[in-house]
Each structure stands twice: as structure tokens, then as C-alpha cells.
PDB file of N, CA and C in Angstrom:
ATOM      1  N   MET A   1      -2.478   1.317   7.165  1.00  0.00           N
ATOM      2  CA  MET A   1      -1.406   0.751   6.371  1.00  0.00           C
ATOM      3  C   MET A   1      -0.143   1.582   6.518  1.00  0.00           C
ATOM      4  N   ARG A   2       0.962   0.912   6.356  1.00  0.00           N
ATOM      5  CA  ARG A   2       2.266   1.567   6.448  1.00  0.00           C
ATOM      6  C   ARG A   2       2.816   1.846   5.050  1.00  0.00           C
ATOM      7  N   SER A   3       3.669   2.844   4.960  1.00  0.00           N
ATOM      8  CA  SER A   3       4.295   3.208   3.684  1.00  0.00           C
ATOM      9  C   SER A   3       5.731   2.704   3.655  1.00  0.00           C
ATOM     10  N   TYR A   4       6.144   2.224   2.487  1.00  0.00           N
ATOM     11  CA  TYR A   4       7.487   1.672   2.321  1.00  0.00           C
ATOM     12  C   TYR A   4       8.117   2.193   1.036  1.00  0.00           C
ATOM     13  N   ILE A   5       9.437   2.279   1.063  1.00  0.00           N
ATOM     14  CA  ILE A   5      10.210   2.554  -0.143  1.00  0.00           C
ATOM     15  C   ILE A   5      11.017   1.292  -0.436  1.00  0.00           C
ATOM     16  N   PHE A   6      11.106   0.961  -1.711  1.00  0.00           N
ATOM     17  CA  PHE A   6      11.867  -0.208  -2.137  1.00  0.00           C
ATOM     18  C   PHE A   6      13.051   0.282  -2.954  1.00  0.00           C
ATOM     19  N   ILE A   7      14.241  -0.172  -2.561  1.00  0.00           N
ATOM     20  CA  ILE A   7      15.463   0.264  -3.222  1.00  0.00           C
ATOM     21  C   ILE A   7      16.330  -0.944  -3.555  1.00  0.00           C
ATOM     22  N   THR A   8      17.254  -0.744  -4.474  1.00  0.00           N
ATOM     23  CA  THR A   8      18.208  -1.789  -4.818  1.00  0.00           C
ATOM     24  C   THR A   8      19.591  -1.169  -4.960  1.00  0.00           C
ATOM     25  N   GLN A   9      20.597  -1.963  -4.688  1.00  0.00           N
ATOM     26  CA  GLN A   9      21.974  -1.513  -4.890  1.00  0.00           C
ATOM     27  C   GLN A   9      22.463  -1.902  -6.279  1.00  0.00           C
ATOM     28  N   GLU A  10      21.617  -2.562  -7.029  1.00  0.00           N
ATOM     29  CA  GLU A  10      21.963  -2.945  -8.396  1.00  0.00           C
ATOM     30  C   GLU A  10      21.748  -1.750  -9.322  1.00  0.00           C
ATOM     31  N   GLY A  11      22.509  -1.680 -10.373  1.00  0.00           N
ATOM     32  CA  GLY A  11      22.363  -0.577 -11.317  1.00  0.00           C
ATOM     33  C   GLY A  11      23.432   0.473 -11.095  1.00  0.00           C
ATOM     34  N   PHE A  12      23.391   1.495 -11.924  1.00  0.00           N
ATOM     35  CA  PHE A  12      24.412   2.540 -11.904  1.00  0.00           C
ATOM     36  C   PHE A  12      23.761   3.907 -12.006  1.00  0.00           C
ATOM     37  N   THR A  13      24.484   4.913 -11.565  1.00  0.00           N
ATOM     38  CA  THR A  13      24.028   6.290 -11.689  1.00  0.00           C
ATOM     39  C   THR A  13      25.172   7.132 -12.235  1.00  0.00           C
ATOM     40  N   TYR A  14      24.818   8.058 -13.083  1.00  0.00           N
ATOM     41  CA  TYR A  14      25.780   8.995 -13.659  1.00  0.00           C
ATOM     42  C   TYR A  14      25.418  10.389 -13.180  1.00  0.00           C
ATOM     43  N   GLN A  15      26.417  11.181 -12.857  1.00  0.00           N
ATOM     44  CA  GLN A  15      26.133  12.551 -12.447  1.00  0.00           C
ATOM     45  C   GLN A  15      25.835  13.409 -13.677  1.00  0.00           C
ATOM     46  N   PRO A  16      25.112  14.499 -13.493  1.00  0.00           N
ATOM     47  CA  PRO A  16      24.774  15.375 -14.624  1.00  0.00           C
ATOM     48  C   PRO A  16      26.033  15.908 -15.317  1.00  0.00           C
ATOM     49  N   ASP A  17      25.940  16.083 -16.603  1.00  0.00           N
ATOM     50  CA  ASP A  17      27.030  16.641 -17.417  1.00  0.00           C
ATOM     51  C   ASP A  17      28.324  15.839 -17.307  1.00  0.00           C
ATOM     52  N   ARG A  18      28.195  14.549 -17.189  1.00  0.00           N
ATOM     53  CA  ARG A  18      29.378  13.694 -17.062  1.00  0.00           C
ATOM     54  C   ARG A  18      30.115  13.625 -18.393  1.00  0.00           C
ATOM     55  N   ILE A  19      31.402  13.357 -18.332  1.00  0.00           N
ATOM     56  CA  ILE A  19      32.214  13.211 -19.533  1.00  0.00           C
ATOM     57  C   ILE A  19      32.530  11.738 -19.768  1.00  0.00           C
ATOM     58  N   SER A  20      32.856  11.029 -18.715  1.00  0.00           N
ATOM     59  CA  SER A  20      33.233   9.622 -18.810  1.00  0.00           C
ATOM     60  C   SER A  20      32.009   8.744 -19.063  1.00  0.00           C
ATOM     61  N   PRO A  21      32.148   7.702 -19.884  1.00  0.00           N
ATOM     62  CA  PRO A  21      31.033   6.771 -20.099  1.00  0.00           C
ATOM     63  C   PRO A  21      30.870   5.789 -18.937  1.00  0.00           C
ATOM     64  N   ASP A  22      31.839   5.779 -18.017  1.00  0.00           N
ATOM     65  CA  ASP A  22      31.768   4.863 -16.878  1.00  0.00           C
ATOM     66  C   ASP A  22      30.905   5.445 -15.774  1.00  0.00           C
ATOM     67  N   PRO A  23      30.130   4.576 -15.091  1.00  0.00           N
ATOM     68  CA  PRO A  23      29.355   5.073 -13.952  1.00  0.00           C
ATOM     69  C   PRO A  23      30.317   5.625 -12.908  1.00  0.00           C
ATOM     70  N   ASP A  24      29.934   6.714 -12.281  1.00  0.00           N
ATOM     71  CA  ASP A  24      30.882   7.354 -11.386  1.00  0.00           C
ATOM     72  C   ASP A  24      30.380   7.515  -9.966  1.00  0.00           C
ATOM     73  N   ILE A  25      29.349   6.822  -9.612  1.00  0.00           N
ATOM     74  CA  ILE A  25      28.863   6.952  -8.247  1.00  0.00           C
ATOM     75  C   ILE A  25      28.233   5.632  -7.813  1.00  0.00           C
ATOM     76  N   GLU A  26      28.561   5.194  -6.614  1.00  0.00           N
ATOM     77  CA  GLU A  26      27.912   4.003  -6.061  1.00  0.00           C
ATOM     78  C   GLU A  26      26.724   4.477  -5.254  1.00  0.00           C
ATOM     79  N   ASN A  27      25.596   3.860  -5.469  1.00  0.00           N
ATOM     80  CA  ASN A  27      24.412   4.316  -4.761  1.00  0.00           C
ATOM     81  C   ASN A  27      23.328   3.266  -4.801  1.00  0.00           C
ATOM     82  N   CYS A  28      22.158   3.665  -4.416  1.00  0.00           N
ATOM     83  CA  CYS A  28      20.973   2.818  -4.485  1.00  0.00           C
ATOM     84  C   CYS A  28      20.002   3.418  -5.489  1.00  0.00           C
ATOM     85  N   GLN A  29      19.253   2.565  -6.141  1.00  0.00           N
ATOM     86  CA  GLN A  29      18.215   2.991  -7.074  1.00  0.00           C
ATOM     87  C   GLN A  29      16.869   2.842  -6.382  1.00  0.00           C
ATOM     88  N   VAL A  30      16.001   3.809  -6.529  1.00  0.00           N
ATOM     89  CA  VAL A  30      14.639   3.680  -6.008  1.00  0.00           C
ATOM     90  C   VAL A  30      13.857   2.837  -7.000  1.00  0.00           C
ATOM     91  N   VAL A  31      13.302   1.736  -6.510  1.00  0.00           N
ATOM     92  CA  VAL A  31      12.503   0.839  -7.343  1.00  0.00           C
ATOM     93  C   VAL A  31      11.044   1.271  -7.313  1.00  0.00           C
ATOM     94  N   GLY A  32      10.578   1.713  -6.142  1.00  0.00           N
ATOM     95  CA  GLY A  32       9.202   2.177  -6.051  1.00  0.00           C
ATOM     96  C   GLY A  32       8.750   2.362  -4.619  1.00  0.00           C
ATOM     97  N   PHE A  33       7.494   2.757  -4.489  1.00  0.00           N
ATOM     98  CA  PHE A  33       6.859   2.981  -3.199  1.00  0.00           C
ATOM     99  C   PHE A  33       5.594   2.138  -3.153  1.00  0.00           C
ATOM    100  N   ALA A  34       5.257   1.640  -1.963  1.00  0.00           N
ATOM    101  CA  ALA A  34       4.016   0.874  -1.823  1.00  0.00           C
ATOM    102  C   ALA A  34       3.576   0.896  -0.366  1.00  0.00           C
ATOM    103  N   LYS A  35       2.314   0.566  -0.171  1.00  0.00           N
ATOM    104  CA  LYS A  35       1.752   0.491   1.177  1.00  0.00           C
ATOM    105  C   LYS A  35       1.315  -0.934   1.477  1.00  0.00           C
ATOM    106  N   GLY A  36       1.321  -1.251   2.765  1.00  0.00           N
ATOM    107  CA  GLY A  36       0.871  -2.561   3.216  1.00  0.00           C
ATOM    108  C   GLY A  36       0.904  -2.604   4.727  1.00  0.00           C
ATOM    109  N   ASN A  37       0.304  -3.640   5.294  1.00  0.00           N
ATOM    110  CA  ASN A  37       0.323  -3.805   6.747  1.00  0.00           C
ATOM    111  C   ASN A  37       1.700  -4.237   7.238  1.00  0.00           C
ATOM    112  N   ASN A  38       2.509  -4.794   6.346  1.00  0.00           N
ATOM    113  CA  ASN A  38       3.875  -5.192   6.664  1.00  0.00           C
ATOM    114  C   ASN A  38       4.689  -5.174   5.367  1.00  0.00           C
ATOM    115  N   GLU A  39       5.967  -5.478   5.484  1.00  0.00           N
ATOM    116  CA  GLU A  39       6.863  -5.410   4.331  1.00  0.00           C
ATOM    117  C   GLU A  39       6.442  -6.348   3.210  1.00  0.00           C
ATOM    118  N   LYS A  40       6.079  -7.572   3.578  1.00  0.00           N
ATOM    119  CA  LYS A  40       5.721  -8.572   2.573  1.00  0.00           C
ATOM    120  C   LYS A  40       4.476  -8.155   1.792  1.00  0.00           C
ATOM    121  N   GLU A  41       3.482  -7.648   2.498  1.00  0.00           N
ATOM    122  CA  GLU A  41       2.254  -7.189   1.833  1.00  0.00           C
ATOM    123  C   GLU A  41       2.542  -5.990   0.931  1.00  0.00           C
ATOM    124  N   ALA A  42       3.379  -5.085   1.405  1.00  0.00           N
ATOM    125  CA  ALA A  42       3.736  -3.918   0.595  1.00  0.00           C
ATOM    126  C   ALA A  42       4.496  -4.349  -0.658  1.00  0.00           C
ATOM    127  N   PHE A  43       5.366  -5.349  -0.526  1.00  0.00           N
ATOM    128  CA  PHE A  43       6.098  -5.843  -1.692  1.00  0.00           C
ATOM    129  C   PHE A  43       5.140  -6.445  -2.718  1.00  0.00           C
ATOM    130  N   LYS A  44       4.179  -7.205  -2.240  1.00  0.00           N
ATOM    131  CA  LYS A  44       3.172  -7.775  -3.147  1.00  0.00           C
ATOM    132  C   LYS A  44       2.402  -6.663  -3.853  1.00  0.00           C
ATOM    133  N   ASN A  45       2.066  -5.604  -3.122  1.00  0.00           N
ATOM    134  CA  ASN A  45       1.360  -4.471  -3.725  1.00  0.00           C
ATOM    135  C   ASN A  45       2.242  -3.744  -4.738  1.00  0.00           C
ATOM    136  N   LEU A  46       3.522  -3.622  -4.425  1.00  0.00           N
ATOM    137  CA  LEU A  46       4.458  -2.991  -5.354  1.00  0.00           C
ATOM    138  C   LEU A  46       4.472  -3.739  -6.684  1.00  0.00           C
ATOM    139  N   ILE A  47       4.564  -5.058  -6.610  1.00  0.00           N
ATOM    140  CA  ILE A  47       4.602  -5.877  -7.822  1.00  0.00           C
ATOM    141  C   ILE A  47       3.271  -5.811  -8.562  1.00  0.00           C
ATOM    142  N   LYS A  48       2.188  -5.843  -7.806  1.00  0.00           N
ATOM    143  CA  LYS A  48       0.857  -5.786  -8.422  1.00  0.00           C
ATOM    144  C   LYS A  48       0.664  -4.481  -9.195  1.00  0.00           C
ATOM    145  N   GLU A  49       1.169  -3.388  -8.633  1.00  0.00           N
ATOM    146  CA  GLU A  49       1.015  -2.070  -9.251  1.00  0.00           C
ATOM    147  C   GLU A  49       2.084  -1.779 -10.310  1.00  0.00           C
ATOM    148  N   ASN A  50       3.162  -2.547 -10.305  1.00  0.00           N
ATOM    149  CA  ASN A  50       4.287  -2.310 -11.230  1.00  0.00           C
ATOM    150  C   ASN A  50       4.801  -3.637 -11.779  1.00  0.00           C
ATOM    151  N   GLN A  51       3.965  -4.345 -12.496  1.00  0.00           N
ATOM    152  CA  GLN A  51       4.349  -5.671 -12.981  1.00  0.00           C
ATOM    153  C   GLN A  51       5.559  -5.634 -13.907  1.00  0.00           C
ATOM    154  N   CYS A  52       5.845  -4.475 -14.474  1.00  0.00           N
ATOM    155  CA  CYS A  52       7.022  -4.345 -15.343  1.00  0.00           C
ATOM    156  C   CYS A  52       8.315  -4.634 -14.576  1.00  0.00           C
ATOM    157  N   LEU A  53       8.285  -4.532 -13.250  1.00  0.00           N
ATOM    158  CA  LEU A  53       9.478  -4.843 -12.457  1.00  0.00           C
ATOM    159  C   LEU A  53       9.908  -6.293 -12.650  1.00  0.00           C
ATOM    160  N   LEU A  54       8.938  -7.168 -12.898  1.00  0.00           N
ATOM    161  CA  LEU A  54       9.258  -8.579 -13.098  1.00  0.00           C
ATOM    162  C   LEU A  54      10.024  -8.798 -14.402  1.00  0.00           C
ATOM    163  N   ASP A  55       9.928  -7.853 -15.320  1.00  0.00           N
ATOM    164  CA  ASP A  55      10.654  -7.940 -16.593  1.00  0.00           C
ATOM    165  C   ASP A  55      11.974  -7.176 -16.559  1.00  0.00           C
ATOM    166  N   SER A  56      12.263  -6.516 -15.440  1.00  0.00           N
ATOM    167  CA  SER A  56      13.504  -5.743 -15.337  1.00  0.00           C
ATOM    168  C   SER A  56      14.658  -6.672 -14.968  1.00  0.00           C
ATOM    169  N   ASN A  57      15.853  -6.133 -14.973  1.00  0.00           N
ATOM    170  CA  ASN A  57      17.037  -6.906 -14.588  1.00  0.00           C
ATOM    171  C   ASN A  57      17.349  -6.797 -13.104  1.00  0.00           C
ATOM    172  N   PHE A  58      16.550  -6.047 -12.362  1.00  0.00           N
ATOM    173  CA  PHE A  58      16.763  -5.955 -10.919  1.00  0.00           C
ATOM    174  C   PHE A  58      16.362  -7.268 -10.265  1.00  0.00           C
ATOM    175  N   ASP A  59      17.093  -7.662  -9.236  1.00  0.00           N
ATOM    176  CA  ASP A  59      16.766  -8.891  -8.516  1.00  0.00           C
ATOM    177  C   ASP A  59      16.583  -8.611  -7.030  1.00  0.00           C
ATOM    178  N   GLU A  60      17.648  -8.156  -6.369  1.00  0.00           N
ATOM    179  CA  GLU A  60      17.589  -7.951  -4.924  1.00  0.00           C
ATOM    180  C   GLU A  60      17.043  -6.561  -4.618  1.00  0.00           C
ATOM    181  N   VAL A  61      15.938  -6.528  -3.893  1.00  0.00           N
ATOM    182  CA  VAL A  61      15.269  -5.275  -3.549  1.00  0.00           C
ATOM    183  C   VAL A  61      15.165  -5.185  -2.035  1.00  0.00           C
ATOM    184  N   MET A  62      15.499  -4.036  -1.492  1.00  0.00           N
ATOM    185  CA  MET A  62      15.456  -3.795  -0.055  1.00  0.00           C
ATOM    186  C   MET A  62      14.241  -2.930   0.268  1.00  0.00           C
ATOM    187  N   CYS A  63      13.617  -3.206   1.396  1.00  0.00           N
ATOM    188  CA  CYS A  63      12.418  -2.483   1.810  1.00  0.00           C
ATOM    189  C   CYS A  63      12.723  -1.692   3.082  1.00  0.00           C
ATOM    190  N   VAL A  64      12.335  -0.422   3.087  1.00  0.00           N
ATOM    191  CA  VAL A  64      12.528   0.428   4.261  1.00  0.00           C
ATOM    192  C   VAL A  64      11.207   1.134   4.547  1.00  0.00           C
ATOM    193  N   GLU A  65      10.760   1.044   5.791  1.00  0.00           N
ATOM    194  CA  GLU A  65       9.508   1.711   6.151  1.00  0.00           C
ATOM    195  C   GLU A  65       9.725   3.216   6.235  1.00  0.00           C
ATOM    196  N   LEU A  66       8.782   3.948   5.684  1.00  0.00           N
ATOM    197  CA  LEU A  66       8.790   5.406   5.778  1.00  0.00           C
ATOM    198  C   LEU A  66       7.932   5.790   6.980  1.00  0.00           C
ATOM    199  N   LYS A  67       8.538   6.343   7.971  1.00  0.00           N
ATOM    200  CA  LYS A  67       7.821   6.666   9.212  1.00  0.00           C
ATOM    201  C   LYS A  67       6.866   7.834   9.042  1.00  0.00           C
ATOM    202  N   ASN A  68       7.136   8.694   8.087  1.00  0.00           N
ATOM    203  CA  ASN A  68       6.316   9.875   7.890  1.00  0.00           C
ATOM    204  C   ASN A  68       5.438   9.672   6.660  1.00  0.00           C
ATOM    205  N   GLU A  69       4.149   9.611   6.848  1.00  0.00           N
ATOM    206  CA  GLU A  69       3.211   9.403   5.740  1.00  0.00           C
ATOM    207  C   GLU A  69       3.299  10.512   4.700  1.00  0.00           C
ATOM    208  N   ASP A  70       3.640  11.709   5.124  1.00  0.00           N
ATOM    209  CA  ASP A  70       3.744  12.846   4.212  1.00  0.00           C
ATOM    210  C   ASP A  70       5.195  13.066   3.799  1.00  0.00           C
ATOM    211  N   TYR A  71       5.903  11.964   3.548  1.00  0.00           N
ATOM    212  CA  TYR A  71       7.332  12.049   3.265  1.00  0.00           C
ATOM    213  C   TYR A  71       7.644  12.992   2.110  1.00  0.00           C
ATOM    214  N   TYR A  72       6.805  13.041   1.105  1.00  0.00           N
ATOM    215  CA  TYR A  72       7.107  13.879  -0.057  1.00  0.00           C
ATOM    216  C   TYR A  72       6.916  15.359   0.278  1.00  0.00           C
ATOM    217  N   ASP A  73       5.815  15.678   0.933  1.00  0.00           N
ATOM    218  CA  ASP A  73       5.534  17.075   1.265  1.00  0.00           C
ATOM    219  C   ASP A  73       6.454  17.618   2.353  1.00  0.00           C
ATOM    220  N   LYS A  74       6.903  16.750   3.246  1.00  0.00           N
ATOM    221  CA  LYS A  74       7.721  17.201   4.372  1.00  0.00           C
ATOM    222  C   LYS A  74       9.212  16.960   4.156  1.00  0.00           C
ATOM    223  N   SER A  75       9.591  16.563   2.958  1.00  0.00           N
ATOM    224  CA  SER A  75      11.003  16.306   2.673  1.00  0.00           C
ATOM    225  C   SER A  75      11.808  17.591   2.740  1.00  0.00           C
ATOM    226  N   LYS A  76      13.036  17.452   3.155  1.00  0.00           N
ATOM    227  CA  LYS A  76      13.968  18.574   3.148  1.00  0.00           C
ATOM    228  C   LYS A  76      14.954  18.320   2.018  1.00  0.00           C
ATOM    229  N   TYR A  77      15.199  19.344   1.241  1.00  0.00           N
ATOM    230  CA  TYR A  77      16.106  19.221   0.107  1.00  0.00           C
ATOM    231  C   TYR A  77      17.392  19.975   0.402  1.00  0.00           C
ATOM    232  N   PHE A  78      18.473  19.408  -0.047  1.00  0.00           N
ATOM    233  CA  PHE A  78      19.780  20.014   0.124  1.00  0.00           C
ATOM    234  C   PHE A  78      20.435  20.114  -1.250  1.00  0.00           C
ATOM    235  N   HIS A  79      21.174  21.179  -1.467  1.00  0.00           N
ATOM    236  CA  HIS A  79      21.869  21.381  -2.731  1.00  0.00           C
ATOM    237  C   HIS A  79      23.368  21.372  -2.471  1.00  0.00           C
ATOM    238  N   LEU A  80      24.042  20.405  -3.037  1.00  0.00           N
ATOM    239  CA  LEU A  80      25.477  20.272  -2.822  1.00  0.00           C
ATOM    240  C   LEU A  80      26.245  21.498  -3.295  1.00  0.00           C
ATOM    241  N   ASN A  81      25.791  22.120  -4.380  1.00  0.00           N
ATOM    242  CA  ASN A  81      26.492  23.309  -4.877  1.00  0.00           C
ATOM    243  C   ASN A  81      26.437  24.453  -3.879  1.00  0.00           C
ATOM    244  N   ASP A  82      25.317  24.608  -3.181  1.00  0.00           N
ATOM    245  CA  ASP A  82      25.224  25.646  -2.149  1.00  0.00           C
ATOM    246  C   ASP A  82      26.222  25.377  -1.031  1.00  0.00           C
ATOM    247  N   TYR A  83      26.326  24.124  -0.624  1.00  0.00           N
ATOM    248  CA  TYR A  83      27.244  23.747   0.442  1.00  0.00           C
ATOM    249  C   TYR A  83      28.693  23.938  -0.014  1.00  0.00           C
ATOM    250  N   LYS A  84      28.960  23.537  -1.250  1.00  0.00           N
ATOM    251  CA  LYS A  84      30.310  23.683  -1.801  1.00  0.00           C
ATOM    252  C   LYS A  84      30.709  25.156  -1.844  1.00  0.00           C
ATOM    253  N   ASN A  85      29.811  26.017  -2.287  1.00  0.00           N
ATOM    254  CA  ASN A  85      30.091  27.459  -2.341  1.00  0.00           C
ATOM    255  C   ASN A  85      30.317  28.034  -0.954  1.00  0.00           C
ATOM    256  N   LYS A  86      29.565  27.548   0.022  1.00  0.00           N
ATOM    257  CA  LYS A  86      29.713  28.026   1.396  1.00  0.00           C
ATOM    258  C   LYS A  86      31.094  27.664   1.933  1.00  0.00           C
ATOM    259  N   ILE A  87      31.545  26.452   1.668  1.00  0.00           N
ATOM    260  CA  ILE A  87      32.865  26.010   2.128  1.00  0.00           C
ATOM    261  C   ILE A  87      33.963  26.809   1.436  1.00  0.00           C
ATOM    262  N   LEU A  88      33.815  27.010   0.141  1.00  0.00           N
ATOM    263  CA  LEU A  88      34.842  27.735  -0.615  1.00  0.00           C
ATOM    264  C   LEU A  88      34.936  29.195  -0.209  1.00  0.00           C
ATOM    265  N   ASN A  89      33.838  29.764   0.255  1.00  0.00           N
ATOM    266  CA  ASN A  89      33.825  31.178   0.637  1.00  0.00           C
ATOM    267  C   ASN A  89      34.243  31.404   2.086  1.00  0.00           C
ATOM    268  N   ASN A  90      34.510  30.356   2.827  1.00  0.00           N
ATOM    269  CA  ASN A  90      34.941  30.502   4.235  1.00  0.00           C
ATOM    270  C   ASN A  90      36.428  30.371   4.365  1.00  0.00           C
TER     271      ASN A  90
END
């Protein structure tokens, strides 16, 4: 079986310690992860495992195959503050 991530462009995100009540970043929301032999099967499994999604206000969901089965363990993390400090110190 293949692994998939399901995302949507619907919804909003706020950065930490925000002051404004308005959303301040355009992005995608992670709806969930599921496995299947193809996208359609994985979507059915996602819904089966997370039926609460049918009660949410999300409608359009995009599916992207994760090529690496160990995506969580092999993920690389980046910290914007580290990068910002590096730029400011150069």
C-alpha cells in the first residue's frame, strides 16, 4: 500500500503570538494521512478512519503521495528563527 497526505487550501492559520485577529498567512491545512493502493482507496480509508471530516466545513481536499514510508522519522526540520539570525549576523 502507498501512503498519502490529504491537504486543503481552505481554512486559516495564525502565527504564534499574533496580535491581529485577522489570519495572516496563506497556506494549506493538513486534513490527514491514509494508506491505499491508489488515491481513491486512500481517500475512502481516510474518511472511514476519520468520519468527523464529513461534519467539518472542509470541502476540497487534495491528495499527495508520500514517497517515503518513514516520512515522520526521516523528516528534516527547519527553524526560521535560526535562519533569520544567521542572515542578520552576516
